[in-house]
């Protein structure tokens, strides 16, 4: 799976706005240039995982949400990853995966 830095940047921009920060304020807190923040938000600059973690903490979001659009407590968590796996599976393998998922889901429902 390759990273879509433009989409990640859009998610970061939305998180920044939701938090009430301007690009200038975020840049000041991170001790980086406004241009750097802008390039990250437009996907023109790749952000390191260390910096992403720092930004996520500041913006009250998760790396999972920024990277794939869903946090691990969201119903959408890992949907893209499962769809990617399933598209290459045979019908027989899909049925087996479904049966396993059903067993796990039923078990979790009875906790």
PDB file of N, CA and C in Angstrom:
ATOM      1  N   UNK A   1       0.842  -1.173   0.000  1.00  0.00           N
ATOM      2  CA  UNK A   1       0.000   0.000   0.000  1.00  0.00           C
ATOM      3  C   UNK A   1       0.889   1.238   0.000  1.00  0.00           C
ATOM      4  N   UNK A   2       0.717   2.086  -0.997  1.00  0.00           N
ATOM      5  CA  UNK A   2       1.488   3.326  -1.022  1.00  0.00           C
ATOM      6  C   UNK A   2       0.692   4.424  -0.328  1.00  0.00           C
ATOM      7  N   UNK A   3       1.408   5.361   0.227  1.00  0.00           N
ATOM      8  CA  UNK A   3       0.761   6.450   0.958  1.00  0.00           C
ATOM      9  C   UNK A   3       0.334   7.548  -0.001  1.00  0.00           C
ATOM     10  N   UNK A   4      -0.854   8.065   0.206  1.00  0.00           N
ATOM     11  CA  UNK A   4      -1.371   9.188  -0.575  1.00  0.00           C
ATOM     12  C   UNK A   4      -1.133  10.453   0.256  1.00  0.00           C
ATOM     13  N   UNK A   5      -0.016  11.109  -0.009  1.00  0.00           N
ATOM     14  CA  UNK A   5       0.367  12.271   0.801  1.00  0.00           C
ATOM     15  C   UNK A   5      -0.586  13.444   0.617  1.00  0.00           C
ATOM     16  N   UNK A   6      -1.204  13.549  -0.537  1.00  0.00           N
ATOM     17  CA  UNK A   6      -2.175  14.623  -0.761  1.00  0.00           C
ATOM     18  C   UNK A   6      -3.404  14.411   0.127  1.00  0.00           C
ATOM     19  N   UNK A   7      -3.883  13.174   0.184  1.00  0.00           N
ATOM     20  CA  UNK A   7      -5.024  12.860   1.029  1.00  0.00           C
ATOM     21  C   UNK A   7      -4.668  12.991   2.508  1.00  0.00           C
ATOM     22  N   UNK A   8      -3.474  12.555   2.875  1.00  0.00           N
ATOM     23  CA  UNK A   8      -3.017  12.724   4.260  1.00  0.00           C
ATOM     24  C   UNK A   8      -2.969  14.205   4.624  1.00  0.00           C
ATOM     25  N   UNK A   9      -2.452  15.011   3.701  1.00  0.00           N
ATOM     26  CA  UNK A   9      -2.367  16.448   3.939  1.00  0.00           C
ATOM     27  C   UNK A   9      -3.735  17.081   4.124  1.00  0.00           C
ATOM     28  N   UNK A  10      -4.704  16.615   3.342  1.00  0.00           N
ATOM     29  CA  UNK A  10      -6.071  17.121   3.483  1.00  0.00           C
ATOM     30  C   UNK A  10      -6.647  16.760   4.843  1.00  0.00           C
ATOM     31  N   UNK A  11      -6.386  15.554   5.292  1.00  0.00           N
ATOM     32  CA  UNK A  11      -6.859  15.144   6.630  1.00  0.00           C
ATOM     33  C   UNK A  11      -6.191  15.969   7.723  1.00  0.00           C
ATOM     34  N   UNK A  12      -4.898  16.247   7.554  1.00  0.00           N
ATOM     35  CA  UNK A  12      -4.201  17.091   8.527  1.00  0.00           C
ATOM     36  C   UNK A  12      -4.766  18.507   8.527  1.00  0.00           C
ATOM     37  N   UNK A  13      -5.052  19.035   7.336  1.00  0.00           N
ATOM     38  CA  UNK A  13      -5.623  20.379   7.226  1.00  0.00           C
ATOM     39  C   UNK A  13      -6.965  20.444   7.961  1.00  0.00           C
ATOM     40  N   UNK A  14      -7.813  19.446   7.741  1.00  0.00           N
ATOM     41  CA  UNK A  14      -9.122  19.421   8.406  1.00  0.00           C
ATOM     42  C   UNK A  14      -8.973  19.320   9.922  1.00  0.00           C
ATOM     43  N   UNK A  15      -8.029  18.500  10.378  1.00  0.00           N
ATOM     44  CA  UNK A  15      -7.786  18.368  11.825  1.00  0.00           C
ATOM     45  C   UNK A  15      -7.277  19.676  12.404  1.00  0.00           C
ATOM     46  N   UNK A  16      -6.407  20.368  11.648  1.00  0.00           N
ATOM     47  CA  UNK A  16      -5.872  21.657  12.105  1.00  0.00           C
ATOM     48  C   UNK A  16      -6.998  22.678  12.241  1.00  0.00           C
ATOM     49  N   UNK A  17      -7.859  22.735  11.238  1.00  0.00           N
ATOM     50  CA  UNK A  17      -8.974  23.686  11.259  1.00  0.00           C
ATOM     51  C   UNK A  17      -9.938  23.345  12.390  1.00  0.00           C
ATOM     52  N   UNK A  18     -10.239  22.063  12.560  1.00  0.00           N
ATOM     53  CA  UNK A  18     -11.128  21.638  13.645  1.00  0.00           C
ATOM     54  C   UNK A  18     -10.569  22.042  15.002  1.00  0.00           C
ATOM     55  N   UNK A  19      -9.257  21.978  15.151  1.00  0.00           N
ATOM     56  CA  UNK A  19      -8.593  22.359  16.399  1.00  0.00           C
ATOM     57  C   UNK A  19      -8.579  23.880  16.586  1.00  0.00           C
ATOM     58  N   UNK A  20      -8.818  24.619  15.488  1.00  0.00           N
ATOM     59  CA  UNK A  20      -8.848  26.076  15.571  1.00  0.00           C
ATOM     60  C   UNK A  20      -7.502  26.731  15.325  1.00  0.00           C
ATOM     61  N   UNK A  21      -6.558  25.974  14.776  1.00  0.00           N
ATOM     62  CA  UNK A  21      -5.223  26.506  14.497  1.00  0.00           C
ATOM     63  C   UNK A  21      -5.138  27.016  13.062  1.00  0.00           C
ATOM     64  N   UNK A  22      -4.421  28.105  12.895  1.00  0.00           N
ATOM     65  CA  UNK A  22      -4.042  28.556  11.562  1.00  0.00           C
ATOM     66  C   UNK A  22      -2.754  27.821  11.189  1.00  0.00           C
ATOM     67  N   UNK A  23      -2.395  27.894   9.922  1.00  0.00           N
ATOM     68  CA  UNK A  23      -1.102  27.321   9.528  1.00  0.00           C
ATOM     69  C   UNK A  23       0.019  28.017  10.279  1.00  0.00           C
ATOM     70  N   UNK A  24      -0.120  29.316  10.485  1.00  0.00           N
ATOM     71  CA  UNK A  24       0.897  30.091  11.190  1.00  0.00           C
ATOM     72  C   UNK A  24       1.064  29.616  12.627  1.00  0.00           C
ATOM     73  N   UNK A  25      -0.064  29.368  13.306  1.00  0.00           N
ATOM     74  CA  UNK A  25      -0.021  28.922  14.699  1.00  0.00           C
ATOM     75  C   UNK A  25       0.616  27.533  14.799  1.00  0.00           C
ATOM     76  N   UNK A  26       0.210  26.620  13.899  1.00  0.00           N
ATOM     77  CA  UNK A  26       0.780  25.277  13.920  1.00  0.00           C
ATOM     78  C   UNK A  26       2.276  25.326  13.630  1.00  0.00           C
ATOM     79  N   UNK A  27       2.663  26.122  12.665  1.00  0.00           N
ATOM     80  CA  UNK A  27       4.087  26.264  12.330  1.00  0.00           C
ATOM     81  C   UNK A  27       4.875  26.796  13.519  1.00  0.00           C
ATOM     82  N   UNK A  28       4.302  27.760  14.214  1.00  0.00           N
ATOM     83  CA  UNK A  28       4.966  28.338  15.391  1.00  0.00           C
ATOM     84  C   UNK A  28       5.170  27.285  16.477  1.00  0.00           C
ATOM     85  N   UNK A  29       4.140  26.496  16.745  1.00  0.00           N
ATOM     86  CA  UNK A  29       4.229  25.466  17.779  1.00  0.00           C
ATOM     87  C   UNK A  29       5.265  24.403  17.400  1.00  0.00           C
ATOM     88  N   UNK A  30       5.281  24.022  16.117  1.00  0.00           N
ATOM     89  CA  UNK A  30       6.198  22.986  15.646  1.00  0.00           C
ATOM     90  C   UNK A  30       7.612  23.508  15.387  1.00  0.00           C
ATOM     91  N   UNK A  31       7.751  24.837  15.409  1.00  0.00           N
ATOM     92  CA  UNK A  31       9.033  25.496  15.107  1.00  0.00           C
ATOM     93  C   UNK A  31       9.510  25.146  13.692  1.00  0.00           C
ATOM     94  N   UNK A  32       8.550  25.283  12.751  1.00  0.00           N
ATOM     95  CA  UNK A  32       8.836  25.090  11.326  1.00  0.00           C
ATOM     96  C   UNK A  32       8.249  26.286  10.574  1.00  0.00           C
ATOM     97  N   UNK A  33       8.524  26.351   9.297  1.00  0.00           N
ATOM     98  CA  UNK A  33       7.993  27.460   8.505  1.00  0.00           C
ATOM     99  C   UNK A  33       6.536  27.202   8.111  1.00  0.00           C
ATOM    100  N   UNK A  34       5.823  28.271   7.862  1.00  0.00           N
ATOM    101  CA  UNK A  34       4.448  28.171   7.371  1.00  0.00           C
ATOM    102  C   UNK A  34       4.448  27.455   6.018  1.00  0.00           C
ATOM    103  N   UNK A  35       5.457  27.714   5.213  1.00  0.00           N
ATOM    104  CA  UNK A  35       5.570  27.063   3.905  1.00  0.00           C
ATOM    105  C   UNK A  35       5.661  25.548   4.065  1.00  0.00           C
ATOM    106  N   UNK A  36       6.366  25.091   5.081  1.00  0.00           N
ATOM    107  CA  UNK A  36       6.491  23.648   5.334  1.00  0.00           C
ATOM    108  C   UNK A  36       5.128  23.055   5.665  1.00  0.00           C
ATOM    109  N   UNK A  37       4.378  23.712   6.543  1.00  0.00           N
ATOM    110  CA  UNK A  37       3.034  23.246   6.902  1.00  0.00           C
ATOM    111  C   UNK A  37       2.156  23.214   5.654  1.00  0.00           C
ATOM    112  N   UNK A  38       2.230  24.236   4.848  1.00  0.00           N
ATOM    113  CA  UNK A  38       1.452  24.306   3.613  1.00  0.00           C
ATOM    114  C   UNK A  38       1.804  23.163   2.661  1.00  0.00           C
ATOM    115  N   UNK A  39       3.095  22.892   2.518  1.00  0.00           N
ATOM    116  CA  UNK A  39       3.530  21.814   1.618  1.00  0.00           C
ATOM    117  C   UNK A  39       3.070  20.448   2.123  1.00  0.00           C
ATOM    118  N   UNK A  40       3.041  20.256   3.437  1.00  0.00           N
ATOM    119  CA  UNK A  40       2.536  18.998   3.994  1.00  0.00           C
ATOM    120  C   UNK A  40       1.040  18.876   3.691  1.00  0.00           C
ATOM    121  N   UNK A  41       0.305  19.954   3.912  1.00  0.00           N
ATOM    122  CA  UNK A  41      -1.144  19.915   3.708  1.00  0.00           C
ATOM    123  C   UNK A  41      -1.528  19.737   2.242  1.00  0.00           C
ATOM    124  N   UNK A  42      -0.674  20.113   1.331  1.00  0.00           N
ATOM    125  CA  UNK A  42      -0.960  19.931  -0.093  1.00  0.00           C
ATOM    126  C   UNK A  42      -0.351  18.645  -0.637  1.00  0.00           C
ATOM    127  N   UNK A  43       0.376  17.925   0.203  1.00  0.00           N
ATOM    128  CA  UNK A  43       0.980  16.664  -0.204  1.00  0.00           C
ATOM    129  C   UNK A  43       2.262  16.821  -1.000  1.00  0.00           C
ATOM    130  N   UNK A  44       2.799  18.026  -1.038  1.00  0.00           N
ATOM    131  CA  UNK A  44       4.021  18.275  -1.807  1.00  0.00           C
ATOM    132  C   UNK A  44       5.280  17.892  -1.040  1.00  0.00           C
ATOM    133  N   UNK A  45       5.155  17.786   0.270  1.00  0.00           N
ATOM    134  CA  UNK A  45       6.267  17.371   1.128  1.00  0.00           C
ATOM    135  C   UNK A  45       5.822  16.172   1.933  1.00  0.00           C
ATOM    136  N   UNK A  46       6.664  15.171   2.001  1.00  0.00           N
ATOM    137  CA  UNK A  46       6.362  13.989   2.795  1.00  0.00           C
ATOM    138  C   UNK A  46       6.695  14.273   4.251  1.00  0.00           C
ATOM    139  N   UNK A  47       5.853  13.802   5.131  1.00  0.00           N
ATOM    140  CA  UNK A  47       6.044  14.021   6.561  1.00  0.00           C
ATOM    141  C   UNK A  47       6.599  12.732   7.172  1.00  0.00           C
ATOM    142  N   UNK A  48       7.584  12.866   8.033  1.00  0.00           N
ATOM    143  CA  UNK A  48       8.147  11.687   8.697  1.00  0.00           C
ATOM    144  C   UNK A  48       7.156  11.167   9.734  1.00  0.00           C
ATOM    145  N   UNK A  49       7.294   9.914  10.100  1.00  0.00           N
ATOM    146  CA  UNK A  49       6.408   9.336  11.111  1.00  0.00           C
ATOM    147  C   UNK A  49       6.577  10.022  12.464  1.00  0.00           C
ATOM    148  N   UNK A  50       7.796  10.403  12.777  1.00  0.00           N
ATOM    149  CA  UNK A  50       8.048  11.112  14.040  1.00  0.00           C
ATOM    150  C   UNK A  50       7.315  12.449  14.059  1.00  0.00           C
ATOM    151  N   UNK A  51       7.410  13.190  12.963  1.00  0.00           N
ATOM    152  CA  UNK A  51       6.732  14.494  12.879  1.00  0.00           C
ATOM    153  C   UNK A  51       5.219  14.289  12.833  1.00  0.00           C
ATOM    154  N   UNK A  52       4.759  13.247  12.130  1.00  0.00           N
ATOM    155  CA  UNK A  52       3.327  12.974  12.064  1.00  0.00           C
ATOM    156  C   UNK A  52       2.775  12.710  13.458  1.00  0.00           C
ATOM    157  N   UNK A  53       3.499  11.930  14.254  1.00  0.00           N
ATOM    158  CA  UNK A  53       3.087  11.656  15.623  1.00  0.00           C
ATOM    159  C   UNK A  53       2.962  12.954  16.419  1.00  0.00           C
ATOM    160  N   UNK A  54       3.944  13.821  16.278  1.00  0.00           N
ATOM    161  CA  UNK A  54       3.944  15.108  16.988  1.00  0.00           C
ATOM    162  C   UNK A  54       2.742  15.959  16.576  1.00  0.00           C
ATOM    163  N   UNK A  55       2.476  16.022  15.281  1.00  0.00           N
ATOM    164  CA  UNK A  55       1.352  16.820  14.771  1.00  0.00           C
ATOM    165  C   UNK A  55       0.024  16.223  15.239  1.00  0.00           C
ATOM    166  N   UNK A  56      -0.092  14.909  15.205  1.00  0.00           N
ATOM    167  CA  UNK A  56      -1.333  14.261  15.628  1.00  0.00           C
ATOM    168  C   UNK A  56      -1.641  14.541  17.096  1.00  0.00           C
ATOM    169  N   UNK A  57      -0.627  14.523  17.922  1.00  0.00           N
ATOM    170  CA  UNK A  57      -0.825  14.842  19.340  1.00  0.00           C
ATOM    171  C   UNK A  57      -1.339  16.275  19.485  1.00  0.00           C
ATOM    172  N   UNK A  58      -0.734  17.203  18.762  1.00  0.00           N
ATOM    173  CA  UNK A  58      -1.154  18.611  18.829  1.00  0.00           C
ATOM    174  C   UNK A  58      -2.585  18.809  18.330  1.00  0.00           C
ATOM    175  N   UNK A  59      -2.967  18.040  17.313  1.00  0.00           N
ATOM    176  CA  UNK A  59      -4.274  18.236  16.687  1.00  0.00           C
ATOM    177  C   UNK A  59      -5.351  17.291  17.224  1.00  0.00           C
ATOM    178  N   UNK A  60      -5.025  16.536  18.266  1.00  0.00           N
ATOM    179  CA  UNK A  60      -5.982  15.604  18.875  1.00  0.00           C
ATOM    180  C   UNK A  60      -6.569  14.636  17.850  1.00  0.00           C
ATOM    181  N   UNK A  61      -5.709  14.041  17.054  1.00  0.00           N
ATOM    182  CA  UNK A  61      -6.134  13.033  16.092  1.00  0.00           C
ATOM    183  C   UNK A  61      -5.159  11.867  16.173  1.00  0.00           C
ATOM    184  N   UNK A  62      -5.379  10.854  15.375  1.00  0.00           N
ATOM    185  CA  UNK A  62      -4.506   9.686  15.412  1.00  0.00           C
ATOM    186  C   UNK A  62      -3.783   9.517  14.085  1.00  0.00           C
ATOM    187  N   UNK A  63      -2.666   8.838  14.154  1.00  0.00           N
ATOM    188  CA  UNK A  63      -1.926   8.532  12.935  1.00  0.00           C
ATOM    189  C   UNK A  63      -2.770   7.657  12.019  1.00  0.00           C
ATOM    190  N   UNK A  64      -3.537   6.736  12.613  1.00  0.00           N
ATOM    191  CA  UNK A  64      -4.393   5.850  11.813  1.00  0.00           C
ATOM    192  C   UNK A  64      -5.383   6.658  10.990  1.00  0.00           C
ATOM    193  N   UNK A  65      -5.973   7.672  11.599  1.00  0.00           N
ATOM    194  CA  UNK A  65      -6.925   8.498  10.860  1.00  0.00           C
ATOM    195  C   UNK A  65      -6.232   9.249   9.721  1.00  0.00           C
ATOM    196  N   UNK A  66      -5.076   9.810   9.987  1.00  0.00           N
ATOM    197  CA  UNK A  66      -4.371  10.573   8.961  1.00  0.00           C
ATOM    198  C   UNK A  66      -3.888   9.654   7.842  1.00  0.00           C
ATOM    199  N   UNK A  67      -3.398   8.483   8.190  1.00  0.00           N
ATOM    200  CA  UNK A  67      -2.856   7.567   7.187  1.00  0.00           C
ATOM    201  C   UNK A  67      -3.927   6.873   6.356  1.00  0.00           C
ATOM    202  N   UNK A  68      -5.045   6.464   6.989  1.00  0.00           N
ATOM    203  CA  UNK A  68      -6.027   5.714   6.207  1.00  0.00           C
ATOM    204  C   UNK A  68      -7.464   6.176   6.382  1.00  0.00           C
ATOM    205  N   UNK A  69      -7.659   7.267   7.072  1.00  0.00           N
ATOM    206  CA  UNK A  69      -8.995   7.848   7.167  1.00  0.00           C
ATOM    207  C   UNK A  69      -9.862   7.306   8.282  1.00  0.00           C
ATOM    208  N   UNK A  70      -9.346   6.405   9.080  1.00  0.00           N
ATOM    209  CA  UNK A  70     -10.148   5.845  10.163  1.00  0.00           C
ATOM    210  C   UNK A  70      -9.262   5.585  11.370  1.00  0.00           C
ATOM    211  N   UNK A  71      -9.778   5.893  12.518  1.00  0.00           N
ATOM    212  CA  UNK A  71      -9.038   5.575  13.733  1.00  0.00           C
ATOM    213  C   UNK A  71      -9.363   4.135  14.123  1.00  0.00           C
ATOM    214  N   UNK A  72      -8.560   3.569  14.992  1.00  0.00           N
ATOM    215  CA  UNK A  72      -8.771   2.166  15.346  1.00  0.00           C
ATOM    216  C   UNK A  72     -10.027   1.943  16.177  1.00  0.00           C
ATOM    217  N   UNK A  73     -10.716   3.005  16.621  1.00  0.00           N
ATOM    218  CA  UNK A  73     -11.990   2.806  17.284  1.00  0.00           C
ATOM    219  C   UNK A  73     -13.151   3.191  16.376  1.00  0.00           C
ATOM    220  N   UNK A  74     -12.896   3.301  15.088  1.00  0.00           N
ATOM    221  CA  UNK A  74     -13.925   3.601  14.105  1.00  0.00           C
ATOM    222  C   UNK A  74     -14.400   2.309  13.442  1.00  0.00           C
ATOM    223  N   UNK A  75     -15.651   2.294  13.019  1.00  0.00           N
ATOM    224  CA  UNK A  75     -16.165   1.134  12.285  1.00  0.00           C
ATOM    225  C   UNK A  75     -15.484   0.963  10.942  1.00  0.00           C
ATOM    226  N   UNK A  76     -14.832   2.002  10.433  1.00  0.00           N
ATOM    227  CA  UNK A  76     -14.165   1.935   9.138  1.00  0.00           C
ATOM    228  C   UNK A  76     -12.714   1.463   9.246  1.00  0.00           C
ATOM    229  N   UNK A  77     -12.252   1.251  10.449  1.00  0.00           N
ATOM    230  CA  UNK A  77     -10.855   0.867  10.667  1.00  0.00           C
ATOM    231  C   UNK A  77     -10.519  -0.400   9.890  1.00  0.00           C
ATOM    232  N   UNK A  78      -9.488  -0.339   9.095  1.00  0.00           N
ATOM    233  CA  UNK A  78      -8.951  -1.428   8.283  1.00  0.00           C
ATOM    234  C   UNK A  78      -9.862  -1.871   7.131  1.00  0.00           C
ATOM    235  N   UNK A  79     -10.941  -1.160   6.853  1.00  0.00           N
ATOM    236  CA  UNK A  79     -11.804  -1.539   5.734  1.00  0.00           C
ATOM    237  C   UNK A  79     -11.033  -1.592   4.423  1.00  0.00           C
ATOM    238  N   UNK A  80     -10.234  -0.578   4.136  1.00  0.00           N
ATOM    239  CA  UNK A  80      -9.469  -0.563   2.887  1.00  0.00           C
ATOM    240  C   UNK A  80      -8.502  -1.729   2.817  1.00  0.00           C
ATOM    241  N   UNK A  81      -7.877  -2.043   3.938  1.00  0.00           N
ATOM    242  CA  UNK A  81      -6.927  -3.148   3.970  1.00  0.00           C
ATOM    243  C   UNK A  81      -7.628  -4.489   3.729  1.00  0.00           C
ATOM    244  N   UNK A  82      -8.790  -4.679   4.352  1.00  0.00           N
ATOM    245  CA  UNK A  82      -9.537  -5.914   4.125  1.00  0.00           C
ATOM    246  C   UNK A  82     -10.014  -6.004   2.674  1.00  0.00           C
ATOM    247  N   UNK A  83     -10.513  -4.912   2.140  1.00  0.00           N
ATOM    248  CA  UNK A  83     -10.957  -4.917   0.745  1.00  0.00           C
ATOM    249  C   UNK A  83      -9.818  -5.248  -0.199  1.00  0.00           C
ATOM    250  N   UNK A  84      -8.643  -4.727   0.090  1.00  0.00           N
ATOM    251  CA  UNK A  84      -7.476  -5.005  -0.740  1.00  0.00           C
ATOM    252  C   UNK A  84      -7.122  -6.497  -0.704  1.00  0.00           C
ATOM    253  N   UNK A  85      -7.187  -7.093   0.472  1.00  0.00           N
ATOM    254  CA  UNK A  85      -6.902  -8.520   0.600  1.00  0.00           C
ATOM    255  C   UNK A  85      -7.972  -9.348  -0.110  1.00  0.00           C
ATOM    256  N   UNK A  86      -9.227  -9.005   0.106  1.00  0.00           N
ATOM    257  CA  UNK A  86     -10.334  -9.792  -0.439  1.00  0.00           C
ATOM    258  C   UNK A  86     -10.412  -9.763  -1.958  1.00  0.00           C
ATOM    259  N   UNK A  87     -10.003  -8.673  -2.568  1.00  0.00           N
ATOM    260  CA  UNK A  87     -10.140  -8.570  -4.025  1.00  0.00           C
ATOM    261  C   UNK A  87      -9.308  -9.625  -4.757  1.00  0.00           C
ATOM    262  N   UNK A  88      -8.247 -10.115  -4.124  1.00  0.00           N
ATOM    263  CA  UNK A  88      -7.382 -11.115  -4.747  1.00  0.00           C
ATOM    264  C   UNK A  88      -7.691 -12.539  -4.298  1.00  0.00           C
ATOM    265  N   UNK A  89      -8.688 -12.698  -3.450  1.00  0.00           N
ATOM    266  CA  UNK A  89      -9.024 -14.031  -2.937  1.00  0.00           C
ATOM    267  C   UNK A  89     -10.046 -14.712  -3.832  1.00  0.00           C
ATOM    268  N   UNK A  90      -9.966 -16.026  -3.829  1.00  0.00           N
ATOM    269  CA  UNK A  90     -10.978 -16.821  -4.536  1.00  0.00           C
ATOM    270  C   UNK A  90     -12.280 -16.789  -3.734  1.00  0.00           C
ATOM    271  N   UNK A  91     -13.362 -17.201  -4.360  1.00  0.00           N
ATOM    272  CA  UNK A  91     -14.650 -17.261  -3.670  1.00  0.00           C
ATOM    273  C   UNK A  91     -14.579 -18.186  -2.464  1.00  0.00           C
ATOM    274  N   UNK A  92     -13.872 -19.293  -2.622  1.00  0.00           N
ATOM    275  CA  UNK A  92     -13.725 -20.257  -1.523  1.00  0.00           C
ATOM    276  C   UNK A  92     -12.987 -19.623  -0.344  1.00  0.00           C
ATOM    277  N   UNK A  93     -11.905 -18.871  -0.636  1.00  0.00           N
ATOM    278  CA  UNK A  93     -11.152 -18.204   0.435  1.00  0.00           C
ATOM    279  C   UNK A  93     -11.979 -17.111   1.095  1.00  0.00           C
ATOM    280  N   UNK A  94     -12.755 -16.386   0.312  1.00  0.00           N
ATOM    281  CA  UNK A  94     -13.629 -15.340   0.876  1.00  0.00           C
ATOM    282  C   UNK A  94     -14.635 -15.955   1.835  1.00  0.00           C
ATOM    283  N   UNK A  95     -15.191 -17.114   1.461  1.00  0.00           N
ATOM    284  CA  UNK A  95     -16.149 -17.800   2.322  1.00  0.00           C
ATOM    285  C   UNK A  95     -15.493 -18.210   3.635  1.00  0.00           C
ATOM    286  N   UNK A  96     -14.275 -18.722   3.573  1.00  0.00           N
ATOM    287  CA  UNK A  96     -13.544 -19.114   4.773  1.00  0.00           C
ATOM    288  C   UNK A  96     -13.270 -17.903   5.669  1.00  0.00           C
ATOM    289  N   UNK A  97     -12.827 -16.812   5.067  1.00  0.00           N
ATOM    290  CA  UNK A  97     -12.568 -15.579   5.826  1.00  0.00           C
ATOM    291  C   UNK A  97     -13.854 -15.087   6.479  1.00  0.00           C
ATOM    292  N   UNK A  98     -14.954 -15.151   5.741  1.00  0.00           N
ATOM    293  CA  UNK A  98     -16.249 -14.729   6.273  1.00  0.00           C
ATOM    294  C   UNK A  98     -16.640 -15.585   7.481  1.00  0.00           C
ATOM    295  N   UNK A  99     -16.465 -16.898   7.365  1.00  0.00           N
ATOM    296  CA  UNK A  99     -16.818 -17.796   8.471  1.00  0.00           C
ATOM    297  C   UNK A  99     -15.974 -17.500   9.703  1.00  0.00           C
ATOM    298  N   UNK A 100     -14.697 -17.266   9.514  1.00  0.00           N
ATOM    299  CA  UNK A 100     -13.813 -16.938  10.639  1.00  0.00           C
ATOM    300  C   UNK A 100     -14.227 -15.614  11.274  1.00  0.00           C
ATOM    301  N   UNK A 101     -14.499 -14.624  10.441  1.00  0.00           N
ATOM    302  CA  UNK A 101     -14.909 -13.308  10.955  1.00  0.00           C
ATOM    303  C   UNK A 101     -16.224 -13.406  11.712  1.00  0.00           C
ATOM    304  N   UNK A 102     -17.144 -14.220  11.232  1.00  0.00           N
ATOM    305  CA  UNK A 102     -18.429 -14.410  11.904  1.00  0.00           C
ATOM    306  C   UNK A 102     -18.237 -15.037  13.277  1.00  0.00           C
ATOM    307  N   UNK A 103     -17.370 -16.036  13.365  1.00  0.00           N
ATOM    308  CA  UNK A 103     -17.092 -16.686  14.649  1.00  0.00           C
ATOM    309  C   UNK A 103     -16.500 -15.668  15.633  1.00  0.00           C
ATOM    310  N   UNK A 104     -15.549 -14.888  15.170  1.00  0.00           N
ATOM    311  CA  UNK A 104     -14.915 -13.881  16.033  1.00  0.00           C
ATOM    312  C   UNK A 104     -15.931 -12.828  16.450  1.00  0.00           C
ATOM    313  N   UNK A 105     -16.736 -12.379  15.515  1.00  0.00           N
ATOM    314  CA  UNK A 105     -17.741 -11.353  15.800  1.00  0.00           C
ATOM    315  C   UNK A 105     -18.766 -11.855  16.814  1.00  0.00           C
ATOM    316  N   UNK A 106     -19.228 -13.085  16.636  1.00  0.00           N
ATOM    317  CA  UNK A 106     -20.185 -13.667  17.589  1.00  0.00           C
ATOM    318  C   UNK A 106     -19.575 -13.817  18.976  1.00  0.00           C
ATOM    319  N   UNK A 107     -18.300 -14.231  19.015  1.00  0.00           N
ATOM    320  CA  UNK A 107     -17.608 -14.399  20.292  1.00  0.00           C
ATOM    321  C   UNK A 107     -17.509 -13.059  21.009  1.00  0.00           C
ATOM    322  N   UNK A 108     -17.159 -12.000  20.266  1.00  0.00           N
ATOM    323  CA  UNK A 108     -17.017 -10.672  20.861  1.00  0.00           C
ATOM    324  C   UNK A 108     -18.354 -10.103  21.315  1.00  0.00           C
ATOM    325  N   UNK A 109     -19.421 -10.486  20.648  1.00  0.00           N
ATOM    326  CA  UNK A 109     -20.755  -9.991  21.006  1.00  0.00           C
ATOM    327  C   UNK A 109     -21.228 -10.574  22.341  1.00  0.00           C
ATOM    328  N   UNK A 110     -20.692 -11.713  22.742  1.00  0.00           N
ATOM    329  CA  UNK A 110     -21.121 -12.376  23.969  1.00  0.00           C
ATOM    330  C   UNK A 110     -20.231 -12.070  25.162  1.00  0.00           C
ATOM    331  N   UNK A 111     -19.354 -11.121  25.034  1.00  0.00           N
ATOM    332  CA  UNK A 111     -18.454 -10.769  26.160  1.00  0.00           C
ATOM    333  C   UNK A 111     -19.196  -9.922  27.156  1.00  0.00           C
TER     334      UNK A 111
END
